[in-house]
Amino acid sequence: MLTYYNNSNVCVVVLHEIYGVNQHIKTMCKYLADYEFDVLCPNLLQTDDYYDYTDEKSAYHNFKEKIGFSVAEKKIKKLLSKIRDKYKFIILVGFSIGATIAWLCSNDEYICDLIIGYYGSRIRDYTEVTPKCPVMLFFPKREKSFNIDNLIEQLKDNRSIIVRQFQADHGFSDPYSDKYCKDSAKKAEQEMIEFIQNYIN
């Protein structure tokens, strides 16, 4: 598990994509640690290696066959329960499948205080979840496998969910990806930090 400890009463748990704890996730963890939060990034792949973006199909197959959302949700909830008493605030920040895992954790009261999800496209399979804490979700304008606007429309009715959509593609926050969109990434980062700071202050 990648960790940064700043003797903070706020812990941000970062949940990675299907690729594992790659350079993008490491960069995001460092970015959040620079705000003097404690940062934990569990490795759901349980290996030091990570998948290259060109191995998307293999990475997705590995997650689906060897991990899956149910197992991942249980692992993260177990971690959150373990650290709950150590922190005043626990925040989940997830990317893609990590965002969907964070979303699944939102239905447990008191386990975490805030959730931020970047392009959690599989949330569409779990729209029955009712978050017990404030949630901010960042979506791209385009998703190749489904109609993103339909999902956003379903989520907008819940007042505990803030939805932001950017003129970009899935993966827009990742500077190491060809989907990176600097303007959208910076705006999302700014909104994420403001969301956190407004909640904890």
N, C-alpha and C. Protein backbone atom coordinates (compact mmCIF):
# COMPACT_ATOMS: atom_id res chain seq x y z
N MET A 1 0.85 -1.19 0.00
CA MET A 1 0.00 0.00 0.00
C MET A 1 0.88 1.25 0.00
N LEU A 2 0.58 2.15 -0.91
CA LEU A 2 1.30 3.42 -0.97
C LEU A 2 0.75 4.33 0.11
N THR A 3 1.63 4.92 0.92
CA THR A 3 1.18 5.74 2.04
C THR A 3 1.96 7.04 2.16
N TYR A 4 1.26 8.07 2.60
CA TYR A 4 1.87 9.34 3.03
C TYR A 4 1.25 9.69 4.37
N TYR A 5 2.09 9.91 5.36
CA TYR A 5 1.58 10.29 6.68
C TYR A 5 2.04 11.70 7.03
N ASN A 6 1.07 12.56 7.34
CA ASN A 6 1.36 13.95 7.70
C ASN A 6 0.82 14.31 9.08
N ASN A 7 0.53 13.27 9.89
CA ASN A 7 -0.04 13.50 11.22
C ASN A 7 -1.33 14.31 11.13
N SER A 8 -2.15 13.97 10.12
CA SER A 8 -3.39 14.70 9.87
C SER A 8 -4.57 13.97 10.49
N ASN A 9 -5.65 14.72 10.73
CA ASN A 9 -6.89 14.08 11.17
C ASN A 9 -7.79 13.77 9.97
N VAL A 10 -7.26 14.01 8.77
CA VAL A 10 -7.96 13.72 7.52
C VAL A 10 -7.17 12.66 6.75
N CYS A 11 -7.85 11.59 6.38
CA CYS A 11 -7.22 10.56 5.56
C CYS A 11 -7.93 10.47 4.22
N VAL A 12 -7.16 10.58 3.15
CA VAL A 12 -7.71 10.39 1.80
C VAL A 12 -7.27 9.02 1.31
N VAL A 13 -8.24 8.18 0.99
CA VAL A 13 -7.95 6.85 0.47
C VAL A 13 -8.17 6.91 -1.04
N VAL A 14 -7.11 6.66 -1.79
CA VAL A 14 -7.15 6.73 -3.25
C VAL A 14 -7.34 5.34 -3.82
N LEU A 15 -8.33 5.20 -4.69
CA LEU A 15 -8.65 3.91 -5.30
C LEU A 15 -8.31 3.95 -6.79
N HIS A 16 -7.42 3.05 -7.19
CA HIS A 16 -6.86 3.09 -8.54
C HIS A 16 -7.79 2.50 -9.60
N GLU A 17 -7.37 2.65 -10.85
CA GLU A 17 -8.09 2.10 -12.00
C GLU A 17 -7.70 0.64 -12.20
N ILE A 18 -8.18 0.05 -13.30
CA ILE A 18 -7.86 -1.35 -13.61
C ILE A 18 -6.37 -1.58 -13.80
N TYR A 19 -5.63 -0.51 -14.09
CA TYR A 19 -4.20 -0.65 -14.40
C TYR A 19 -3.34 -0.87 -13.15
N GLY A 20 -3.87 -0.52 -12.00
CA GLY A 20 -3.10 -0.66 -10.77
C GLY A 20 -2.52 0.67 -10.31
N VAL A 21 -1.55 0.59 -9.41
CA VAL A 21 -0.95 1.81 -8.86
C VAL A 21 0.15 2.27 -9.82
N ASN A 22 -0.30 2.95 -10.86
CA ASN A 22 0.64 3.42 -11.89
C ASN A 22 1.10 4.85 -11.58
N GLN A 23 1.80 5.44 -12.54
CA GLN A 23 2.39 6.76 -12.29
C GLN A 23 1.32 7.83 -12.04
N HIS A 24 0.20 7.73 -12.73
CA HIS A 24 -0.88 8.69 -12.52
C HIS A 24 -1.40 8.63 -11.08
N ILE A 25 -1.62 7.43 -10.58
CA ILE A 25 -2.13 7.27 -9.22
C ILE A 25 -1.10 7.75 -8.20
N LYS A 26 0.17 7.43 -8.45
CA LYS A 26 1.24 7.90 -7.55
C LYS A 26 1.30 9.43 -7.53
N THR A 27 1.16 10.02 -8.71
CA THR A 27 1.19 11.49 -8.81
C THR A 27 0.01 12.11 -8.06
N MET A 28 -1.16 11.50 -8.19
CA MET A 28 -2.34 12.02 -7.49
C MET A 28 -2.19 11.88 -5.98
N CYS A 29 -1.62 10.78 -5.53
CA CYS A 29 -1.40 10.59 -4.09
C CYS A 29 -0.46 11.67 -3.55
N LYS A 30 0.59 11.93 -4.28
CA LYS A 30 1.55 12.97 -3.87
C LYS A 30 0.87 14.35 -3.86
N TYR A 31 0.06 14.60 -4.87
CA TYR A 31 -0.68 15.87 -4.97
C TYR A 31 -1.56 16.08 -3.73
N LEU A 32 -2.27 15.05 -3.32
CA LEU A 32 -3.14 15.14 -2.15
C LEU A 32 -2.34 15.24 -0.85
N ALA A 33 -1.21 14.54 -0.80
CA ALA A 33 -0.35 14.60 0.39
C ALA A 33 0.25 15.99 0.57
N ASP A 34 0.45 16.70 -0.54
CA ASP A 34 0.98 18.06 -0.46
C ASP A 34 0.03 19.02 0.24
N TYR A 35 -1.23 18.64 0.35
CA TYR A 35 -2.21 19.43 1.12
C TYR A 35 -2.21 19.03 2.60
N GLU A 36 -1.23 18.19 2.96
CA GLU A 36 -1.00 17.74 4.33
C GLU A 36 -2.08 16.80 4.85
N PHE A 37 -2.76 16.12 3.93
CA PHE A 37 -3.63 15.02 4.33
C PHE A 37 -2.79 13.76 4.46
N ASP A 38 -3.21 12.84 5.31
CA ASP A 38 -2.67 11.49 5.22
C ASP A 38 -3.29 10.84 3.98
N VAL A 39 -2.49 10.08 3.25
CA VAL A 39 -2.98 9.45 2.02
C VAL A 39 -2.64 7.97 2.04
N LEU A 40 -3.65 7.15 1.77
CA LEU A 40 -3.45 5.70 1.65
C LEU A 40 -3.94 5.26 0.27
N CYS A 41 -3.15 4.41 -0.37
CA CYS A 41 -3.57 3.89 -1.67
C CYS A 41 -3.39 2.37 -1.67
N PRO A 42 -4.45 1.63 -1.32
CA PRO A 42 -4.36 0.17 -1.34
C PRO A 42 -4.20 -0.37 -2.75
N ASN A 43 -3.41 -1.42 -2.88
CA ASN A 43 -3.18 -2.02 -4.19
C ASN A 43 -4.09 -3.23 -4.35
N LEU A 44 -5.17 -3.06 -5.09
CA LEU A 44 -6.14 -4.14 -5.27
C LEU A 44 -5.59 -5.26 -6.15
N LEU A 45 -4.58 -4.95 -6.96
CA LEU A 45 -3.97 -5.98 -7.81
C LEU A 45 -3.00 -6.86 -7.03
N GLN A 46 -2.57 -6.38 -5.87
CA GLN A 46 -1.64 -7.12 -5.00
C GLN A 46 -0.36 -7.52 -5.73
N THR A 47 0.14 -6.61 -6.52
CA THR A 47 1.42 -6.82 -7.20
C THR A 47 2.09 -5.46 -7.37
N ASP A 48 3.41 -5.45 -7.41
CA ASP A 48 4.14 -4.19 -7.61
C ASP A 48 4.04 -3.71 -9.05
N ASP A 49 3.72 -4.62 -9.94
CA ASP A 49 3.59 -4.26 -11.35
C ASP A 49 2.25 -3.60 -11.61
N TYR A 50 2.16 -2.92 -12.73
CA TYR A 50 0.87 -2.39 -13.16
C TYR A 50 0.77 -2.55 -14.67
N TYR A 51 -0.43 -2.47 -15.16
CA TYR A 51 -0.67 -2.66 -16.59
C TYR A 51 -0.40 -1.38 -17.38
N ASP A 52 0.13 -1.55 -18.55
CA ASP A 52 0.29 -0.44 -19.48
C ASP A 52 -1.07 -0.12 -20.10
N TYR A 53 -1.24 1.12 -20.55
CA TYR A 53 -2.52 1.50 -21.15
C TYR A 53 -2.83 0.69 -22.40
N THR A 54 -1.80 0.19 -23.06
CA THR A 54 -2.02 -0.63 -24.26
C THR A 54 -2.59 -2.01 -23.90
N ASP A 55 -2.53 -2.38 -22.62
CA ASP A 55 -3.05 -3.67 -22.16
C ASP A 55 -4.41 -3.53 -21.49
N GLU A 56 -5.22 -2.59 -21.97
CA GLU A 56 -6.51 -2.32 -21.33
C GLU A 56 -7.37 -3.58 -21.23
N LYS A 57 -7.44 -4.37 -22.29
CA LYS A 57 -8.29 -5.57 -22.27
C LYS A 57 -7.80 -6.57 -21.22
N SER A 58 -6.49 -6.77 -21.15
CA SER A 58 -5.93 -7.69 -20.15
C SER A 58 -6.17 -7.17 -18.74
N ALA A 59 -6.01 -5.86 -18.56
CA ALA A 59 -6.20 -5.26 -17.24
C ALA A 59 -7.66 -5.41 -16.79
N TYR A 60 -8.58 -5.17 -17.71
CA TYR A 60 -10.00 -5.29 -17.37
C TYR A 60 -10.36 -6.75 -17.07
N HIS A 61 -9.84 -7.66 -17.89
CA HIS A 61 -10.09 -9.10 -17.67
C HIS A 61 -9.55 -9.53 -16.30
N ASN A 62 -8.36 -9.06 -15.96
CA ASN A 62 -7.76 -9.41 -14.67
C ASN A 62 -8.63 -8.91 -13.52
N PHE A 63 -9.09 -7.67 -13.61
CA PHE A 63 -9.93 -7.13 -12.55
C PHE A 63 -11.24 -7.92 -12.44
N LYS A 64 -11.85 -8.15 -13.58
CA LYS A 64 -13.15 -8.82 -13.58
C LYS A 64 -13.06 -10.26 -13.07
N GLU A 65 -12.01 -10.99 -13.49
CA GLU A 65 -11.90 -12.41 -13.16
C GLU A 65 -11.27 -12.66 -11.78
N LYS A 66 -10.30 -11.84 -11.40
CA LYS A 66 -9.55 -12.11 -10.17
C LYS A 66 -9.96 -11.25 -8.98
N ILE A 67 -10.65 -10.14 -9.25
CA ILE A 67 -11.02 -9.24 -8.15
C ILE A 67 -12.53 -9.01 -8.17
N GLY A 68 -12.99 -8.17 -9.05
CA GLY A 68 -14.42 -7.89 -9.14
C GLY A 68 -14.86 -6.85 -8.13
N PHE A 69 -16.00 -6.24 -8.38
CA PHE A 69 -16.47 -5.15 -7.53
C PHE A 69 -16.85 -5.60 -6.13
N SER A 70 -17.43 -6.77 -6.01
CA SER A 70 -17.86 -7.25 -4.69
C SER A 70 -16.68 -7.46 -3.75
N VAL A 71 -15.64 -8.14 -4.24
CA VAL A 71 -14.44 -8.38 -3.44
C VAL A 71 -13.74 -7.07 -3.11
N ALA A 72 -13.62 -6.21 -4.12
CA ALA A 72 -12.95 -4.91 -3.92
C ALA A 72 -13.70 -4.07 -2.88
N GLU A 73 -15.02 -4.05 -2.98
CA GLU A 73 -15.83 -3.29 -2.01
C GLU A 73 -15.58 -3.80 -0.59
N LYS A 74 -15.57 -5.11 -0.41
CA LYS A 74 -15.34 -5.69 0.92
C LYS A 74 -13.95 -5.33 1.46
N LYS A 75 -12.94 -5.39 0.58
CA LYS A 75 -11.57 -5.06 1.00
C LYS A 75 -11.47 -3.62 1.45
N ILE A 76 -12.07 -2.73 0.68
CA ILE A 76 -11.97 -1.31 1.02
C ILE A 76 -12.77 -1.01 2.29
N LYS A 77 -13.94 -1.60 2.42
CA LYS A 77 -14.73 -1.38 3.65
C LYS A 77 -13.99 -1.90 4.88
N LYS A 78 -13.29 -3.01 4.71
CA LYS A 78 -12.50 -3.55 5.82
C LYS A 78 -11.39 -2.57 6.21
N LEU A 79 -10.72 -2.00 5.21
CA LEU A 79 -9.67 -1.00 5.48
C LEU A 79 -10.26 0.23 6.16
N LEU A 80 -11.38 0.71 5.66
CA LEU A 80 -12.01 1.91 6.23
C LEU A 80 -12.43 1.67 7.69
N SER A 81 -12.96 0.50 7.96
CA SER A 81 -13.35 0.16 9.34
C SER A 81 -12.13 0.13 10.26
N LYS A 82 -11.03 -0.35 9.73
CA LYS A 82 -9.80 -0.46 10.51
C LYS A 82 -9.24 0.90 10.90
N ILE A 83 -9.37 1.88 10.00
CA ILE A 83 -8.78 3.20 10.26
C ILE A 83 -9.80 4.23 10.78
N ARG A 84 -11.06 3.84 10.85
CA ARG A 84 -12.13 4.79 11.18
C ARG A 84 -11.85 5.57 12.46
N ASP A 85 -11.42 4.90 13.50
CA ASP A 85 -11.21 5.56 14.79
C ASP A 85 -9.97 6.44 14.84
N LYS A 86 -9.11 6.32 13.84
CA LYS A 86 -7.88 7.11 13.82
C LYS A 86 -8.06 8.50 13.22
N TYR A 87 -9.15 8.69 12.48
CA TYR A 87 -9.32 9.93 11.73
C TYR A 87 -10.68 10.58 11.99
N LYS A 88 -10.66 11.89 11.99
CA LYS A 88 -11.90 12.63 12.09
C LYS A 88 -12.66 12.57 10.77
N PHE A 89 -11.91 12.64 9.67
CA PHE A 89 -12.51 12.60 8.34
C PHE A 89 -11.82 11.56 7.48
N ILE A 90 -12.61 10.74 6.80
CA ILE A 90 -12.08 9.80 5.82
C ILE A 90 -12.75 10.10 4.48
N ILE A 91 -11.91 10.29 3.47
CA ILE A 91 -12.38 10.68 2.14
C ILE A 91 -11.90 9.65 1.13
N LEU A 92 -12.81 9.21 0.27
CA LEU A 92 -12.44 8.30 -0.81
C LEU A 92 -12.34 9.08 -2.11
N VAL A 93 -11.24 8.88 -2.82
CA VAL A 93 -11.07 9.45 -4.16
C VAL A 93 -10.78 8.30 -5.10
N GLY A 94 -11.70 8.05 -6.04
CA GLY A 94 -11.54 6.91 -6.93
C GLY A 94 -11.52 7.30 -8.39
N PHE A 95 -10.82 6.49 -9.17
CA PHE A 95 -10.70 6.71 -10.61
C PHE A 95 -11.22 5.49 -11.37
N SER A 96 -12.18 5.72 -12.25
CA SER A 96 -12.77 4.67 -13.07
C SER A 96 -13.34 3.55 -12.19
N ILE A 97 -12.78 2.33 -12.22
CA ILE A 97 -13.33 1.29 -11.35
C ILE A 97 -13.20 1.69 -9.88
N GLY A 98 -12.16 2.45 -9.57
CA GLY A 98 -11.98 2.95 -8.21
C GLY A 98 -13.11 3.86 -7.79
N ALA A 99 -13.63 4.65 -8.74
CA ALA A 99 -14.77 5.53 -8.45
C ALA A 99 -16.03 4.71 -8.19
N THR A 100 -16.19 3.62 -8.93
CA THR A 100 -17.35 2.75 -8.72
C THR A 100 -17.25 2.04 -7.37
N ILE A 101 -16.05 1.61 -7.00
CA ILE A 101 -15.84 0.99 -5.68
C ILE A 101 -16.17 2.00 -4.57
N ALA A 102 -15.70 3.23 -4.74
CA ALA A 102 -16.01 4.29 -3.76
C ALA A 102 -17.52 4.48 -3.66
N TRP A 103 -18.17 4.51 -4.80
CA TRP A 103 -19.63 4.66 -4.85
C TRP A 103 -20.31 3.54 -4.06
N LEU A 104 -19.84 2.31 -4.22
CA LEU A 104 -20.42 1.18 -3.50
C LEU A 104 -20.21 1.30 -1.99
N CYS A 105 -19.12 1.93 -1.60
CA CYS A 105 -18.85 2.13 -0.17
C CYS A 105 -19.72 3.22 0.44
N SER A 106 -20.32 4.05 -0.40
CA SER A 106 -21.09 5.20 0.10
C SER A 106 -22.37 4.80 0.79
N ASN A 107 -22.80 3.53 0.63
CA ASN A 107 -24.07 3.13 1.22
C ASN A 107 -23.94 2.70 2.69
N ASP A 108 -22.71 2.72 3.21
CA ASP A 108 -22.48 2.39 4.63
C ASP A 108 -22.32 3.67 5.44
N GLU A 109 -23.23 3.89 6.36
CA GLU A 109 -23.17 5.10 7.17
C GLU A 109 -21.95 5.06 8.09
N TYR A 110 -21.28 6.19 8.21
CA TYR A 110 -20.14 6.41 9.11
C TYR A 110 -18.82 5.80 8.63
N ILE A 111 -18.82 4.99 7.60
CA ILE A 111 -17.57 4.35 7.18
C ILE A 111 -16.63 5.35 6.51
N CYS A 112 -17.22 6.34 5.83
CA CYS A 112 -16.42 7.43 5.26
C CYS A 112 -17.28 8.69 5.23
N ASP A 113 -16.64 9.82 5.03
CA ASP A 113 -17.34 11.10 5.17
C ASP A 113 -17.59 11.83 3.86
N LEU A 114 -16.82 11.48 2.85
CA LEU A 114 -16.90 12.21 1.59
C LEU A 114 -16.39 11.29 0.49
N ILE A 115 -17.00 11.38 -0.69
CA ILE A 115 -16.56 10.56 -1.82
C ILE A 115 -16.41 11.43 -3.06
N ILE A 116 -15.30 11.24 -3.76
CA ILE A 116 -15.05 11.92 -5.03
C ILE A 116 -14.71 10.85 -6.06
N GLY A 117 -15.45 10.84 -7.15
CA GLY A 117 -15.23 9.81 -8.16
C GLY A 117 -14.99 10.41 -9.54
N TYR A 118 -13.90 9.98 -10.15
CA TYR A 118 -13.58 10.38 -11.52
C TYR A 118 -14.03 9.30 -12.49
N TYR A 119 -14.85 9.66 -13.44
CA TYR A 119 -15.36 8.80 -14.53
C TYR A 119 -15.61 7.35 -14.11
N GLY A 120 -16.48 7.23 -13.11
CA GLY A 120 -16.89 5.90 -12.65
C GLY A 120 -18.02 5.36 -13.52
N SER A 121 -17.68 4.91 -14.69
CA SER A 121 -18.69 4.52 -15.67
C SER A 121 -19.55 3.34 -15.21
N ARG A 122 -19.00 2.46 -14.38
CA ARG A 122 -19.77 1.29 -13.92
C ARG A 122 -20.76 1.63 -12.81
N ILE A 123 -20.77 2.88 -12.39
CA ILE A 123 -21.81 3.32 -11.45
C ILE A 123 -23.18 3.07 -12.07
N ARG A 124 -23.22 3.05 -13.40
CA ARG A 124 -24.49 2.81 -14.09
C ARG A 124 -25.11 1.46 -13.73
N ASP A 125 -24.29 0.53 -13.26
CA ASP A 125 -24.80 -0.79 -12.85
C ASP A 125 -25.29 -0.81 -11.40
N TYR A 126 -25.07 0.30 -10.69
CA TYR A 126 -25.40 0.34 -9.25
C TYR A 126 -26.15 1.62 -8.88
N THR A 127 -27.06 2.02 -9.74
CA THR A 127 -27.78 3.28 -9.48
C THR A 127 -28.76 3.16 -8.32
N GLU A 128 -28.98 1.93 -7.84
CA GLU A 128 -29.87 1.75 -6.69
C GLU A 128 -29.20 2.16 -5.39
N VAL A 129 -27.88 2.36 -5.41
CA VAL A 129 -27.14 2.78 -4.21
C VAL A 129 -27.58 4.18 -3.80
N THR A 130 -27.86 4.33 -2.51
CA THR A 130 -28.20 5.65 -1.97
C THR A 130 -27.07 6.10 -1.05
N PRO A 131 -26.27 7.07 -1.48
CA PRO A 131 -25.12 7.49 -0.66
C PRO A 131 -25.56 8.05 0.70
N LYS A 132 -24.78 7.68 1.72
CA LYS A 132 -25.04 8.17 3.08
C LYS A 132 -24.11 9.34 3.43
N CYS A 133 -23.34 9.79 2.44
CA CYS A 133 -22.44 10.93 2.64
C CYS A 133 -22.42 11.74 1.36
N PRO A 134 -21.92 12.98 1.42
CA PRO A 134 -21.83 13.79 0.20
C PRO A 134 -20.90 13.15 -0.84
N VAL A 135 -21.30 13.28 -2.09
CA VAL A 135 -20.56 12.68 -3.20
C VAL A 135 -20.38 13.71 -4.30
N MET A 136 -19.17 13.76 -4.86
CA MET A 136 -18.92 14.57 -6.06
C MET A 136 -18.40 13.65 -7.14
N LEU A 137 -19.06 13.68 -8.30
CA LEU A 137 -18.68 12.81 -9.41
C LEU A 137 -18.30 13.64 -10.63
N PHE A 138 -17.16 13.30 -11.20
CA PHE A 138 -16.68 13.95 -12.42
C PHE A 138 -16.85 12.98 -13.60
N PHE A 139 -17.57 13.43 -14.61
CA PHE A 139 -17.77 12.60 -15.80
C PHE A 139 -17.27 13.33 -17.05
N PRO A 140 -16.86 12.56 -18.05
CA PRO A 140 -16.49 13.16 -19.33
C PRO A 140 -17.73 13.43 -20.17
N LYS A 141 -17.55 14.14 -21.24
CA LYS A 141 -18.66 14.38 -22.17
C LYS A 141 -18.96 13.12 -22.96
N ARG A 142 -17.93 12.30 -23.19
CA ARG A 142 -18.08 11.12 -24.04
C ARG A 142 -17.64 9.86 -23.32
N GLU A 143 -18.43 8.82 -23.43
CA GLU A 143 -18.07 7.48 -22.97
C GLU A 143 -18.32 6.53 -24.15
N LYS A 144 -17.35 5.68 -24.45
CA LYS A 144 -17.48 4.86 -25.67
C LYS A 144 -18.48 3.72 -25.54
N SER A 145 -18.79 3.29 -24.31
CA SER A 145 -19.59 2.07 -24.16
C SER A 145 -21.04 2.30 -23.72
N PHE A 146 -21.40 3.54 -23.40
CA PHE A 146 -22.78 3.79 -22.97
C PHE A 146 -23.10 5.27 -23.04
N ASN A 147 -24.38 5.58 -22.84
CA ASN A 147 -24.84 6.97 -22.90
C ASN A 147 -24.66 7.62 -21.53
N ILE A 148 -23.65 8.45 -21.41
CA ILE A 148 -23.31 9.08 -20.14
C ILE A 148 -24.42 10.02 -19.65
N ASP A 149 -25.12 10.66 -20.60
CA ASP A 149 -26.16 11.62 -20.22
C ASP A 149 -27.30 10.95 -19.47
N ASN A 150 -27.61 9.71 -19.85
CA ASN A 150 -28.68 8.98 -19.15
C ASN A 150 -28.32 8.73 -17.69
N LEU A 151 -27.05 8.35 -17.46
CA LEU A 151 -26.60 8.12 -16.08
C LEU A 151 -26.64 9.40 -15.27
N ILE A 152 -26.14 10.48 -15.84
CA ILE A 152 -26.13 11.77 -15.13
C ILE A 152 -27.55 12.19 -14.77
N GLU A 153 -28.48 11.97 -15.68
CA GLU A 153 -29.88 12.33 -15.43
C GLU A 153 -30.44 11.56 -14.24
N GLN A 154 -30.06 10.28 -14.12
CA GLN A 154 -30.53 9.47 -12.98
C GLN A 154 -29.94 9.95 -11.66
N LEU A 155 -28.70 10.43 -11.70
CA LEU A 155 -28.01 10.82 -10.47
C LEU A 155 -28.40 12.21 -9.99
N LYS A 156 -28.84 13.06 -10.89
CA LYS A 156 -29.06 14.47 -10.56
C LYS A 156 -30.17 14.70 -9.55
N ASP A 157 -31.07 13.74 -9.41
CA ASP A 157 -32.19 13.92 -8.49
C ASP A 157 -31.78 13.82 -7.02
N ASN A 158 -30.64 13.22 -6.78
CA ASN A 158 -30.18 13.04 -5.39
C ASN A 158 -29.40 14.28 -4.95
N ARG A 159 -29.90 14.95 -3.92
CA ARG A 159 -29.28 16.22 -3.50
C ARG A 159 -27.93 16.04 -2.82
N SER A 160 -27.60 14.81 -2.42
CA SER A 160 -26.28 14.60 -1.81
C SER A 160 -25.18 14.37 -2.84
N ILE A 161 -25.57 14.35 -4.13
CA ILE A 161 -24.61 14.09 -5.20
C ILE A 161 -24.42 15.33 -6.05
N ILE A 162 -23.17 15.75 -6.18
CA ILE A 162 -22.81 16.84 -7.09
C ILE A 162 -22.19 16.20 -8.33
N VAL A 163 -22.72 16.50 -9.50
CA VAL A 163 -22.20 15.94 -10.74
C VAL A 163 -21.62 17.05 -11.60
N ARG A 164 -20.40 16.82 -12.05
CA ARG A 164 -19.74 17.75 -12.97
C ARG A 164 -19.37 17.00 -14.25
N GLN A 165 -19.61 17.64 -15.38
CA GLN A 165 -19.26 17.02 -16.66
C GLN A 165 -18.30 17.92 -17.42
N PHE A 166 -17.29 17.30 -18.01
CA PHE A 166 -16.24 18.05 -18.70
C PHE A 166 -16.18 17.67 -20.18
N GLN A 167 -15.80 18.65 -20.99
CA GLN A 167 -15.65 18.43 -22.43
C GLN A 167 -14.36 17.64 -22.66
N ALA A 168 -14.43 16.36 -22.37
CA ALA A 168 -13.23 15.52 -22.42
C ALA A 168 -13.66 14.06 -22.50
N ASP A 169 -12.67 13.17 -22.54
CA ASP A 169 -12.92 11.74 -22.61
C ASP A 169 -12.60 11.06 -21.28
N HIS A 170 -13.03 9.82 -21.15
CA HIS A 170 -12.69 8.98 -20.00
C HIS A 170 -11.17 8.94 -19.85
N GLY A 171 -10.68 9.29 -18.68
CA GLY A 171 -9.24 9.33 -18.46
C GLY A 171 -8.65 10.73 -18.54
N PHE A 172 -9.52 11.75 -18.60
CA PHE A 172 -9.05 13.12 -18.84
C PHE A 172 -8.12 13.66 -17.76
N SER A 173 -8.13 13.09 -16.57
CA SER A 173 -7.30 13.64 -15.48
C SER A 173 -5.89 13.05 -15.45
N ASP A 174 -5.63 12.10 -16.31
CA ASP A 174 -4.37 11.34 -16.28
C ASP A 174 -3.35 11.94 -17.25
N PRO A 175 -2.32 12.64 -16.75
CA PRO A 175 -1.34 13.28 -17.63
C PRO A 175 -0.47 12.30 -18.41
N TYR A 176 -0.54 11.03 -18.06
CA TYR A 176 0.27 10.01 -18.75
C TYR A 176 -0.54 9.28 -19.81
N SER A 177 -1.79 9.71 -19.99
CA SER A 177 -2.69 9.07 -20.95
C SER A 177 -2.91 9.98 -22.16
N ASP A 178 -3.21 9.37 -23.30
CA ASP A 178 -3.50 10.18 -24.48
C ASP A 178 -4.88 10.82 -24.39
N LYS A 179 -5.63 10.50 -23.35
CA LYS A 179 -6.96 11.11 -23.12
C LYS A 179 -6.85 12.35 -22.22
N TYR A 180 -5.65 12.67 -21.79
CA TYR A 180 -5.46 13.78 -20.86
C TYR A 180 -5.96 15.09 -21.45
N CYS A 181 -6.71 15.82 -20.64
CA CYS A 181 -7.17 17.16 -21.01
C CYS A 181 -6.79 18.09 -19.86
N LYS A 182 -5.77 18.86 -20.07
CA LYS A 182 -5.19 19.67 -18.99
C LYS A 182 -6.22 20.59 -18.34
N ASP A 183 -7.00 21.31 -19.15
CA ASP A 183 -7.97 22.25 -18.60
C ASP A 183 -9.00 21.55 -17.71
N SER A 184 -9.54 20.44 -18.21
CA SER A 184 -10.54 19.69 -17.45
C SER A 184 -9.92 19.10 -16.19
N ALA A 185 -8.70 18.57 -16.31
CA ALA A 185 -8.02 17.97 -15.16
C ALA A 185 -7.81 19.00 -14.06
N LYS A 186 -7.35 20.18 -14.43
CA LYS A 186 -7.07 21.22 -13.43
C LYS A 186 -8.36 21.72 -12.78
N LYS A 187 -9.42 21.86 -13.58
CA LYS A 187 -10.70 22.30 -13.02
C LYS A 187 -11.24 21.27 -12.03
N ALA A 188 -11.13 20.01 -12.41
CA ALA A 188 -11.61 18.94 -11.52
C ALA A 188 -10.80 18.89 -10.23
N GLU A 189 -9.49 19.03 -10.34
CA GLU A 189 -8.63 19.03 -9.15
C GLU A 189 -9.02 20.17 -8.21
N GLN A 190 -9.23 21.35 -8.80
CA GLN A 190 -9.60 22.51 -7.99
C GLN A 190 -10.94 22.28 -7.28
N GLU A 191 -11.91 21.74 -8.01
CA GLU A 191 -13.22 21.47 -7.41
C GLU A 191 -13.12 20.40 -6.33
N MET A 192 -12.28 19.40 -6.56
CA MET A 192 -12.09 18.35 -5.56
C MET A 192 -11.53 18.92 -4.27
N ILE A 193 -10.49 19.73 -4.37
CA ILE A 193 -9.87 20.30 -3.17
C ILE A 193 -10.83 21.23 -2.44
N GLU A 194 -11.58 22.04 -3.18
CA GLU A 194 -12.56 22.94 -2.56
C GLU A 194 -13.66 22.14 -1.86
N PHE A 195 -14.08 21.06 -2.48
CA PHE A 195 -15.10 20.18 -1.91
C PHE A 195 -14.62 19.60 -0.59
N ILE A 196 -13.38 19.15 -0.56
CA ILE A 196 -12.79 18.59 0.65
C ILE A 196 -12.66 19.67 1.73
N GLN A 197 -12.04 20.78 1.35
CA GLN A 197 -11.77 21.82 2.34
C GLN A 197 -13.03 22.45 2.90
N ASN A 198 -14.05 22.60 2.06
CA ASN A 198 -15.32 23.14 2.55
C ASN A 198 -15.98 22.20 3.54
N TYR A 199 -15.74 20.92 3.37
CA TYR A 199 -16.36 19.93 4.25
C TYR A 199 -15.62 19.83 5.60
N ILE A 200 -14.30 19.85 5.55
CA ILE A 200 -13.54 19.59 6.78
C ILE A 200 -13.33 20.85 7.62
N ASN A 201 -13.55 22.02 7.03
CA ASN A 201 -13.31 23.28 7.76
C ASN A 201 -14.59 23.83 8.38
